[in-house]
């Protein structure tokens, strides 16, 4: 079943987070993922508001998790850790 990688982010250091974004996209694509929403317009109805919301679709939960733990994505993530506050989850779709 396909899966969604959903990130809610508050960027605290634009320069470092830009380095993350530059590296994260290719890492996600390498694992079969593609962006379906990326920092677009949103309406916060409940919970903690994060101004950057990203959704990527993967072939499976396992593909998304493998991407997260890959060396390529971890290299990207090293730039985001101190440059953002974020939540990230993977959820299987109902397709």
PDB file of N, CA and C in Angstrom:
ATOM      1  N   UNK A   1       0.832  -1.185   0.000  1.00  0.00           N
ATOM      2  CA  UNK A   1       0.000   0.000   0.000  1.00  0.00           C
ATOM      3  C   UNK A   1       0.880   1.253   0.000  1.00  0.00           C
ATOM      4  N   UNK A   2       0.489   2.273  -0.750  1.00  0.00           N
ATOM      5  CA  UNK A   2       1.229   3.541  -0.719  1.00  0.00           C
ATOM      6  C   UNK A   2       1.204   4.168   0.676  1.00  0.00           C
ATOM      7  N   UNK A   3       2.129   5.056   0.906  1.00  0.00           N
ATOM      8  CA  UNK A   3       2.232   5.720   2.204  1.00  0.00           C
ATOM      9  C   UNK A   3       2.544   7.196   2.010  1.00  0.00           C
ATOM     10  N   UNK A   4       2.120   7.990   2.978  1.00  0.00           N
ATOM     11  CA  UNK A   4       2.400   9.419   2.983  1.00  0.00           C
ATOM     12  C   UNK A   4       3.405   9.733   4.087  1.00  0.00           C
ATOM     13  N   UNK A   5       4.364  10.550   3.744  1.00  0.00           N
ATOM     14  CA  UNK A   5       5.371  11.087   4.676  1.00  0.00           C
ATOM     15  C   UNK A   5       4.897  12.504   4.935  1.00  0.00           C
ATOM     16  N   UNK A   6       4.530  12.806   6.154  1.00  0.00           N
ATOM     17  CA  UNK A   6       3.939  14.096   6.483  1.00  0.00           C
ATOM     18  C   UNK A   6       4.828  14.812   7.497  1.00  0.00           C
ATOM     19  N   UNK A   7       5.280  16.003   7.130  1.00  0.00           N
ATOM     20  CA  UNK A   7       6.148  16.796   7.998  1.00  0.00           C
ATOM     21  C   UNK A   7       5.484  18.136   8.293  1.00  0.00           C
ATOM     22  N   UNK A   8       5.527  18.526   9.557  1.00  0.00           N
ATOM     23  CA  UNK A   8       5.059  19.839  10.005  1.00  0.00           C
ATOM     24  C   UNK A   8       6.279  20.532  10.594  1.00  0.00           C
ATOM     25  N   UNK A   9       6.629  21.707  10.058  1.00  0.00           N
ATOM     26  CA  UNK A   9       7.933  22.303  10.358  1.00  0.00           C
ATOM     27  C   UNK A   9       7.826  23.793  10.660  1.00  0.00           C
ATOM     28  N   UNK A  10       8.595  24.219  11.658  1.00  0.00           N
ATOM     29  CA  UNK A  10       8.875  25.628  11.884  1.00  0.00           C
ATOM     30  C   UNK A  10      10.370  25.802  11.653  1.00  0.00           C
ATOM     31  N   UNK A  11      10.731  26.578  10.656  1.00  0.00           N
ATOM     32  CA  UNK A  11      12.136  26.800  10.328  1.00  0.00           C
ATOM     33  C   UNK A  11      12.677  27.901  11.234  1.00  0.00           C
ATOM     34  N   UNK A  12      13.820  27.632  11.870  1.00  0.00           N
ATOM     35  CA  UNK A  12      14.452  28.606  12.759  1.00  0.00           C
ATOM     36  C   UNK A  12      15.758  29.160  12.192  1.00  0.00           C
ATOM     37  N   UNK A  13      16.285  28.505  11.162  1.00  0.00           N
ATOM     38  CA  UNK A  13      17.518  28.954  10.499  1.00  0.00           C
ATOM     39  C   UNK A  13      17.350  28.678   9.009  1.00  0.00           C
ATOM     40  N   UNK A  14      16.970  29.703   8.264  1.00  0.00           N
ATOM     41  CA  UNK A  14      16.659  29.549   6.834  1.00  0.00           C
ATOM     42  C   UNK A  14      17.848  29.022   6.030  1.00  0.00           C
ATOM     43  N   UNK A  15      19.046  29.505   6.321  1.00  0.00           N
ATOM     44  CA  UNK A  15      20.218  29.098   5.548  1.00  0.00           C
ATOM     45  C   UNK A  15      20.498  27.603   5.702  1.00  0.00           C
ATOM     46  N   UNK A  16      20.548  27.125   6.937  1.00  0.00           N
ATOM     47  CA  UNK A  16      20.800  25.699   7.166  1.00  0.00           C
ATOM     48  C   UNK A  16      19.656  24.840   6.646  1.00  0.00           C
ATOM     49  N   UNK A  17      18.424  25.307   6.835  1.00  0.00           N
ATOM     50  CA  UNK A  17      17.284  24.526   6.367  1.00  0.00           C
ATOM     51  C   UNK A  17      17.278  24.458   4.840  1.00  0.00           C
ATOM     52  N   UNK A  18      17.770  25.488   4.194  1.00  0.00           N
ATOM     53  CA  UNK A  18      17.894  25.463   2.742  1.00  0.00           C
ATOM     54  C   UNK A  18      18.828  24.356   2.279  1.00  0.00           C
ATOM     55  N   UNK A  19      19.898  24.119   3.032  1.00  0.00           N
ATOM     56  CA  UNK A  19      20.820  23.021   2.721  1.00  0.00           C
ATOM     57  C   UNK A  19      20.099  21.688   2.861  1.00  0.00           C
ATOM     58  N   UNK A  20      19.290  21.555   3.912  1.00  0.00           N
ATOM     59  CA  UNK A  20      18.479  20.339   4.097  1.00  0.00           C
ATOM     60  C   UNK A  20      17.578  20.127   2.883  1.00  0.00           C
ATOM     61  N   UNK A  21      16.824  21.151   2.505  1.00  0.00           N
ATOM     62  CA  UNK A  21      15.852  21.029   1.418  1.00  0.00           C
ATOM     63  C   UNK A  21      16.536  20.635   0.100  1.00  0.00           C
ATOM     64  N   UNK A  22      17.705  21.187  -0.137  1.00  0.00           N
ATOM     65  CA  UNK A  22      18.439  20.886  -1.370  1.00  0.00           C
ATOM     66  C   UNK A  22      18.828  19.411  -1.446  1.00  0.00           C
ATOM     67  N   UNK A  23      19.174  18.812  -0.302  1.00  0.00           N
ATOM     68  CA  UNK A  23      19.600  17.411  -0.262  1.00  0.00           C
ATOM     69  C   UNK A  23      18.442  16.434  -0.061  1.00  0.00           C
ATOM     70  N   UNK A  24      17.409  16.863   0.643  1.00  0.00           N
ATOM     71  CA  UNK A  24      16.309  15.955   0.984  1.00  0.00           C
ATOM     72  C   UNK A  24      15.511  15.528  -0.247  1.00  0.00           C
ATOM     73  N   UNK A  25      15.240  16.467  -1.153  1.00  0.00           N
ATOM     74  CA  UNK A  25      14.456  16.143  -2.341  1.00  0.00           C
ATOM     75  C   UNK A  25      15.032  14.981  -3.138  1.00  0.00           C
ATOM     76  N   UNK A  26      16.300  15.030  -3.517  1.00  0.00           N
ATOM     77  CA  UNK A  26      16.896  13.907  -4.245  1.00  0.00           C
ATOM     78  C   UNK A  26      16.885  12.597  -3.447  1.00  0.00           C
ATOM     79  N   UNK A  27      17.075  12.666  -2.131  1.00  0.00           N
ATOM     80  CA  UNK A  27      17.042  11.449  -1.313  1.00  0.00           C
ATOM     81  C   UNK A  27      15.648  10.831  -1.333  1.00  0.00           C
ATOM     82  N   UNK A  28      14.641  11.663  -1.245  1.00  0.00           N
ATOM     83  CA  UNK A  28      13.256  11.180  -1.278  1.00  0.00           C
ATOM     84  C   UNK A  28      12.953  10.564  -2.641  1.00  0.00           C
ATOM     85  N   UNK A  29      13.334  11.234  -3.704  1.00  0.00           N
ATOM     86  CA  UNK A  29      13.103  10.710  -5.055  1.00  0.00           C
ATOM     87  C   UNK A  29      13.829   9.385  -5.276  1.00  0.00           C
ATOM     88  N   UNK A  30      15.022   9.265  -4.740  1.00  0.00           N
ATOM     89  CA  UNK A  30      15.820   8.043  -4.883  1.00  0.00           C
ATOM     90  C   UNK A  30      15.090   6.828  -4.314  1.00  0.00           C
ATOM     91  N   UNK A  31      14.213   7.049  -3.344  1.00  0.00           N
ATOM     92  CA  UNK A  31      13.481   5.967  -2.692  1.00  0.00           C
ATOM     93  C   UNK A  31      12.038   5.868  -3.180  1.00  0.00           C
ATOM     94  N   UNK A  32      11.768   6.447  -4.335  1.00  0.00           N
ATOM     95  CA  UNK A  32      10.449   6.321  -4.941  1.00  0.00           C
ATOM     96  C   UNK A  32       9.423   7.314  -4.458  1.00  0.00           C
ATOM     97  N   UNK A  33       9.852   8.297  -3.681  1.00  0.00           N
ATOM     98  CA  UNK A  33       8.925   9.298  -3.167  1.00  0.00           C
ATOM     99  C   UNK A  33       8.827  10.507  -4.075  1.00  0.00           C
ATOM    100  N   UNK A  34       7.701  11.191  -3.993  1.00  0.00           N
ATOM    101  CA  UNK A  34       7.533  12.452  -4.715  1.00  0.00           C
ATOM    102  C   UNK A  34       6.620  13.357  -3.904  1.00  0.00           C
ATOM    103  N   UNK A  35       6.813  14.651  -4.041  1.00  0.00           N
ATOM    104  CA  UNK A  35       6.062  15.631  -3.262  1.00  0.00           C
ATOM    105  C   UNK A  35       4.666  15.838  -3.849  1.00  0.00           C
ATOM    106  N   UNK A  36       3.665  15.833  -2.957  1.00  0.00           N
ATOM    107  CA  UNK A  36       2.312  16.183  -3.385  1.00  0.00           C
ATOM    108  C   UNK A  36       1.854  17.481  -2.724  1.00  0.00           C
ATOM    109  N   UNK A  37       2.550  17.913  -1.691  1.00  0.00           N
ATOM    110  CA  UNK A  37       2.311  19.223  -1.068  1.00  0.00           C
ATOM    111  C   UNK A  37       3.628  19.669  -0.462  1.00  0.00           C
ATOM    112  N   UNK A  38       3.938  20.955  -0.672  1.00  0.00           N
ATOM    113  CA  UNK A  38       5.238  21.442  -0.193  1.00  0.00           C
ATOM    114  C   UNK A  38       5.126  22.920   0.145  1.00  0.00           C
ATOM    115  N   UNK A  39       4.898  23.180   1.431  1.00  0.00           N
ATOM    116  CA  UNK A  39       4.898  24.550   1.952  1.00  0.00           C
ATOM    117  C   UNK A  39       3.850  25.440   1.295  1.00  0.00           C
ATOM    118  N   UNK A  40       2.743  24.859   0.870  1.00  0.00           N
ATOM    119  CA  UNK A  40       1.682  25.643   0.253  1.00  0.00           C
ATOM    120  C   UNK A  40       0.733  26.238   1.286  1.00  0.00           C
ATOM    121  N   UNK A  41      -0.297  26.824   0.784  1.00  0.00           N
ATOM    122  CA  UNK A  41      -1.336  27.427   1.622  1.00  0.00           C
ATOM    123  C   UNK A  41      -1.995  26.349   2.486  1.00  0.00           C
ATOM    124  N   UNK A  42      -2.309  26.688   3.712  1.00  0.00           N
ATOM    125  CA  UNK A  42      -2.931  25.725   4.619  1.00  0.00           C
ATOM    126  C   UNK A  42      -3.863  26.461   5.580  1.00  0.00           C
ATOM    127  N   UNK A  43      -4.713  25.694   6.239  1.00  0.00           N
ATOM    128  CA  UNK A  43      -5.594  26.205   7.286  1.00  0.00           C
ATOM    129  C   UNK A  43      -5.384  25.313   8.504  1.00  0.00           C
ATOM    130  N   UNK A  44      -4.932  25.879   9.605  1.00  0.00           N
ATOM    131  CA  UNK A  44      -4.708  25.131  10.836  1.00  0.00           C
ATOM    132  C   UNK A  44      -6.020  25.058  11.613  1.00  0.00           C
ATOM    133  N   UNK A  45      -6.531  23.877  11.825  1.00  0.00           N
ATOM    134  CA  UNK A  45      -7.799  23.719  12.545  1.00  0.00           C
ATOM    135  C   UNK A  45      -7.618  23.234  13.976  1.00  0.00           C
ATOM    136  N   UNK A  46      -6.595  22.423  14.221  1.00  0.00           N
ATOM    137  CA  UNK A  46      -6.323  21.912  15.567  1.00  0.00           C
ATOM    138  C   UNK A  46      -4.823  21.713  15.723  1.00  0.00           C
ATOM    139  N   UNK A  47      -4.372  21.635  16.968  1.00  0.00           N
ATOM    140  CA  UNK A  47      -2.983  21.319  17.251  1.00  0.00           C
ATOM    141  C   UNK A  47      -2.033  22.482  17.061  1.00  0.00           C
ATOM    142  N   UNK A  48      -0.750  22.163  17.208  1.00  0.00           N
ATOM    143  CA  UNK A  48       0.307  23.172  17.111  1.00  0.00           C
ATOM    144  C   UNK A  48       0.496  23.595  15.662  1.00  0.00           C
ATOM    145  N   UNK A  49       0.456  24.878  15.433  1.00  0.00           N
ATOM    146  CA  UNK A  49       0.638  25.402  14.078  1.00  0.00           C
ATOM    147  C   UNK A  49       2.108  25.390  13.700  1.00  0.00           C
ATOM    148  N   UNK A  50       2.385  24.879  12.524  1.00  0.00           N
ATOM    149  CA  UNK A  50       3.718  24.907  11.925  1.00  0.00           C
ATOM    150  C   UNK A  50       3.545  25.519  10.538  1.00  0.00           C
ATOM    151  N   UNK A  51       4.286  26.565  10.207  1.00  0.00           N
ATOM    152  CA  UNK A  51       4.061  27.276   8.951  1.00  0.00           C
ATOM    153  C   UNK A  51       4.511  26.535   7.689  1.00  0.00           C
ATOM    154  N   UNK A  52       5.276  25.475   7.830  1.00  0.00           N
ATOM    155  CA  UNK A  52       5.714  24.705   6.654  1.00  0.00           C
ATOM    156  C   UNK A  52       5.186  23.282   6.798  1.00  0.00           C
ATOM    157  N   UNK A  53       4.401  22.854   5.844  1.00  0.00           N
ATOM    158  CA  UNK A  53       3.805  21.518   5.856  1.00  0.00           C
ATOM    159  C   UNK A  53       4.129  20.839   4.543  1.00  0.00           C
ATOM    160  N   UNK A  54       4.668  19.623   4.629  1.00  0.00           N
ATOM    161  CA  UNK A  54       5.131  18.908   3.446  1.00  0.00           C
ATOM    162  C   UNK A  54       4.556  17.499   3.465  1.00  0.00           C
ATOM    163  N   UNK A  55       4.076  17.059   2.295  1.00  0.00           N
ATOM    164  CA  UNK A  55       3.576  15.695   2.144  1.00  0.00           C
ATOM    165  C   UNK A  55       4.249  15.083   0.921  1.00  0.00           C
ATOM    166  N   UNK A  56       4.860  13.920   1.124  1.00  0.00           N
ATOM    167  CA  UNK A  56       5.446  13.160   0.018  1.00  0.00           C
ATOM    168  C   UNK A  56       4.772  11.791  -0.014  1.00  0.00           C
ATOM    169  N   UNK A  57       4.600  11.269  -1.205  1.00  0.00           N
ATOM    170  CA  UNK A  57       3.984   9.957  -1.359  1.00  0.00           C
ATOM    171  C   UNK A  57       5.056   8.950  -1.749  1.00  0.00           C
ATOM    172  N   UNK A  58       5.027   7.794  -1.096  1.00  0.00           N
ATOM    173  CA  UNK A  58       5.969   6.704  -1.337  1.00  0.00           C
ATOM    174  C   UNK A  58       5.204   5.452  -1.734  1.00  0.00           C
ATOM    175  N   UNK A  59       5.890   4.498  -2.348  1.00  0.00           N
ATOM    176  CA  UNK A  59       5.220   3.251  -2.723  1.00  0.00           C
ATOM    177  C   UNK A  59       4.718   2.433  -1.519  1.00  0.00           C
ATOM    178  N   UNK A  60       5.356   2.618  -0.355  1.00  0.00           N
ATOM    179  CA  UNK A  60       4.980   1.841   0.832  1.00  0.00           C
ATOM    180  C   UNK A  60       5.539   2.508   2.089  1.00  0.00           C
ATOM    181  N   UNK A  61       5.035   2.074   3.238  1.00  0.00           N
ATOM    182  CA  UNK A  61       5.576   2.527   4.521  1.00  0.00           C
ATOM    183  C   UNK A  61       7.056   2.155   4.600  1.00  0.00           C
ATOM    184  N   UNK A  62       7.369   0.954   4.155  1.00  0.00           N
ATOM    185  CA  UNK A  62       8.754   0.482   4.229  1.00  0.00           C
ATOM    186  C   UNK A  62       9.692   1.338   3.376  1.00  0.00           C
ATOM    187  N   UNK A  63       9.245   1.730   2.184  1.00  0.00           N
ATOM    188  CA  UNK A  63      10.082   2.584   1.324  1.00  0.00           C
ATOM    189  C   UNK A  63      10.326   3.936   1.977  1.00  0.00           C
ATOM    190  N   UNK A  64       9.293   4.497   2.595  1.00  0.00           N
ATOM    191  CA  UNK A  64       9.442   5.793   3.265  1.00  0.00           C
ATOM    192  C   UNK A  64      10.374   5.674   4.465  1.00  0.00           C
ATOM    193  N   UNK A  65      10.230   4.608   5.228  1.00  0.00           N
ATOM    194  CA  UNK A  65      11.092   4.419   6.400  1.00  0.00           C
ATOM    195  C   UNK A  65      12.535   4.151   5.982  1.00  0.00           C
ATOM    196  N   UNK A  66      12.719   3.378   4.926  1.00  0.00           N
ATOM    197  CA  UNK A  66      14.069   3.129   4.407  1.00  0.00           C
ATOM    198  C   UNK A  66      14.712   4.439   3.967  1.00  0.00           C
ATOM    199  N   UNK A  67      13.927   5.301   3.319  1.00  0.00           N
ATOM    200  CA  UNK A  67      14.432   6.611   2.918  1.00  0.00           C
ATOM    201  C   UNK A  67      14.903   7.394   4.141  1.00  0.00           C
ATOM    202  N   UNK A  68      14.062   7.445   5.169  1.00  0.00           N
ATOM    203  CA  UNK A  68      14.398   8.214   6.370  1.00  0.00           C
ATOM    204  C   UNK A  68      15.736   7.761   6.965  1.00  0.00           C
ATOM    205  N   UNK A  69      15.961   6.456   7.000  1.00  0.00           N
ATOM    206  CA  UNK A  69      17.178   5.919   7.625  1.00  0.00           C
ATOM    207  C   UNK A  69      18.377   5.863   6.671  1.00  0.00           C
ATOM    208  N   UNK A  70      18.179   6.214   5.400  1.00  0.00           N
ATOM    209  CA  UNK A  70      19.265   6.144   4.417  1.00  0.00           C
ATOM    210  C   UNK A  70      20.351   7.175   4.727  1.00  0.00           C
ATOM    211  N   UNK A  71      21.544   6.875   4.263  1.00  0.00           N
ATOM    212  CA  UNK A  71      22.675   7.793   4.459  1.00  0.00           C
ATOM    213  C   UNK A  71      22.400   9.138   3.794  1.00  0.00           C
ATOM    214  N   UNK A  72      21.792   9.119   2.601  1.00  0.00           N
ATOM    215  CA  UNK A  72      21.505  10.367   1.887  1.00  0.00           C
ATOM    216  C   UNK A  72      20.558  11.262   2.673  1.00  0.00           C
ATOM    217  N   UNK A  73      19.475  10.677   3.179  1.00  0.00           N
ATOM    218  CA  UNK A  73      18.515  11.497   3.916  1.00  0.00           C
ATOM    219  C   UNK A  73      19.084  11.935   5.263  1.00  0.00           C
ATOM    220  N   UNK A  74      19.821  11.074   5.930  1.00  0.00           N
ATOM    221  CA  UNK A  74      20.416  11.446   7.214  1.00  0.00           C
ATOM    222  C   UNK A  74      21.414  12.588   7.050  1.00  0.00           C
ATOM    223  N   UNK A  75      22.134  12.605   5.919  1.00  0.00           N
ATOM    224  CA  UNK A  75      23.020  13.734   5.641  1.00  0.00           C
ATOM    225  C   UNK A  75      22.202  15.024   5.519  1.00  0.00           C
ATOM    226  N   UNK A  76      21.095  14.953   4.786  1.00  0.00           N
ATOM    227  CA  UNK A  76      20.215  16.122   4.661  1.00  0.00           C
ATOM    228  C   UNK A  76      19.689  16.540   6.026  1.00  0.00           C
ATOM    229  N   UNK A  77      19.216  15.566   6.789  1.00  0.00           N
ATOM    230  CA  UNK A  77      18.621  15.834   8.095  1.00  0.00           C
ATOM    231  C   UNK A  77      19.605  16.494   9.059  1.00  0.00           C
ATOM    232  N   UNK A  78      20.883  16.235   8.893  1.00  0.00           N
ATOM    233  CA  UNK A  78      21.875  16.861   9.776  1.00  0.00           C
ATOM    234  C   UNK A  78      21.819  18.382   9.679  1.00  0.00           C
ATOM    235  N   UNK A  79      21.357  18.923   8.572  1.00  0.00           N
ATOM    236  CA  UNK A  79      21.219  20.373   8.403  1.00  0.00           C
ATOM    237  C   UNK A  79      19.909  20.899   8.995  1.00  0.00           C
ATOM    238  N   UNK A  80      18.918  20.039   9.125  1.00  0.00           N
ATOM    239  CA  UNK A  80      17.605  20.470   9.622  1.00  0.00           C
ATOM    240  C   UNK A  80      17.480  20.386  11.139  1.00  0.00           C
ATOM    241  N   UNK A  81      18.239  19.516  11.760  1.00  0.00           N
ATOM    242  CA  UNK A  81      18.072  19.259  13.200  1.00  0.00           C
ATOM    243  C   UNK A  81      18.167  20.520  14.046  1.00  0.00           C
ATOM    244  N   UNK A  82      19.166  21.333  13.830  1.00  0.00           N
ATOM    245  CA  UNK A  82      19.334  22.556  14.613  1.00  0.00           C
ATOM    246  C   UNK A  82      18.764  23.785  13.908  1.00  0.00           C
ATOM    247  N   UNK A  83      18.087  23.558  12.777  1.00  0.00           N
ATOM    248  CA  UNK A  83      17.554  24.670  11.991  1.00  0.00           C
ATOM    249  C   UNK A  83      16.028  24.673  11.947  1.00  0.00           C
ATOM    250  N   UNK A  84      15.410  23.767  12.736  1.00  0.00           N
ATOM    251  CA  UNK A  84      13.953  23.667  12.677  1.00  0.00           C
ATOM    252  C   UNK A  84      13.401  22.928  13.884  1.00  0.00           C
ATOM    253  N   UNK A  85      12.116  23.144  14.095  1.00  0.00           N
ATOM    254  CA  UNK A  85      11.328  22.335  15.017  1.00  0.00           C
ATOM    255  C   UNK A  85      10.358  21.593  14.121  1.00  0.00           C
ATOM    256  N   UNK A  86      10.267  20.268  14.257  1.00  0.00           N
ATOM    257  CA  UNK A  86       9.473  19.510  13.299  1.00  0.00           C
ATOM    258  C   UNK A  86       8.893  18.232  13.871  1.00  0.00           C
ATOM    259  N   UNK A  87       7.806  17.838  13.276  1.00  0.00           N
ATOM    260  CA  UNK A  87       7.229  16.525  13.514  1.00  0.00           C
ATOM    261  C   UNK A  87       7.184  15.833  12.162  1.00  0.00           C
ATOM    262  N   UNK A  88       7.436  14.549  12.136  1.00  0.00           N
ATOM    263  CA  UNK A  88       7.422  13.779  10.898  1.00  0.00           C
ATOM    264  C   UNK A  88       6.777  12.436  11.183  1.00  0.00           C
ATOM    265  N   UNK A  89       5.858  12.040  10.316  1.00  0.00           N
ATOM    266  CA  UNK A  89       5.239  10.727  10.463  1.00  0.00           C
ATOM    267  C   UNK A  89       5.014  10.116   9.099  1.00  0.00           C
ATOM    268  N   UNK A  90       4.885   8.805   9.092  1.00  0.00           N
ATOM    269  CA  UNK A  90       4.570   8.059   7.886  1.00  0.00           C
ATOM    270  C   UNK A  90       3.261   7.339   8.151  1.00  0.00           C
ATOM    271  N   UNK A  91       2.335   7.439   7.210  1.00  0.00           N
ATOM    272  CA  UNK A  91       1.038   6.797   7.377  1.00  0.00           C
ATOM    273  C   UNK A  91       0.650   6.085   6.086  1.00  0.00           C
ATOM    274  N   UNK A  92       0.206   4.863   6.209  1.00  0.00           N
ATOM    275  CA  UNK A  92      -0.253   4.102   5.051  1.00  0.00           C
ATOM    276  C   UNK A  92      -1.564   4.682   4.545  1.00  0.00           C
ATOM    277  N   UNK A  93      -1.716   4.761   3.231  1.00  0.00           N
ATOM    278  CA  UNK A  93      -2.947   5.301   2.663  1.00  0.00           C
ATOM    279  C   UNK A  93      -4.013   4.219   2.562  1.00  0.00           C
ATOM    280  N   UNK A  94      -5.217   4.625   2.294  1.00  0.00           N
ATOM    281  CA  UNK A  94      -6.334   3.692   2.175  1.00  0.00           C
ATOM    282  C   UNK A  94      -6.522   3.214   0.739  1.00  0.00           C
ATOM    283  N   UNK A  95      -5.618   3.531  -0.156  1.00  0.00           N
ATOM    284  CA  UNK A  95      -5.726   3.131  -1.571  1.00  0.00           C
ATOM    285  C   UNK A  95      -5.629   1.643  -1.715  1.00  0.00           C
TER     286      UNK A  95
END
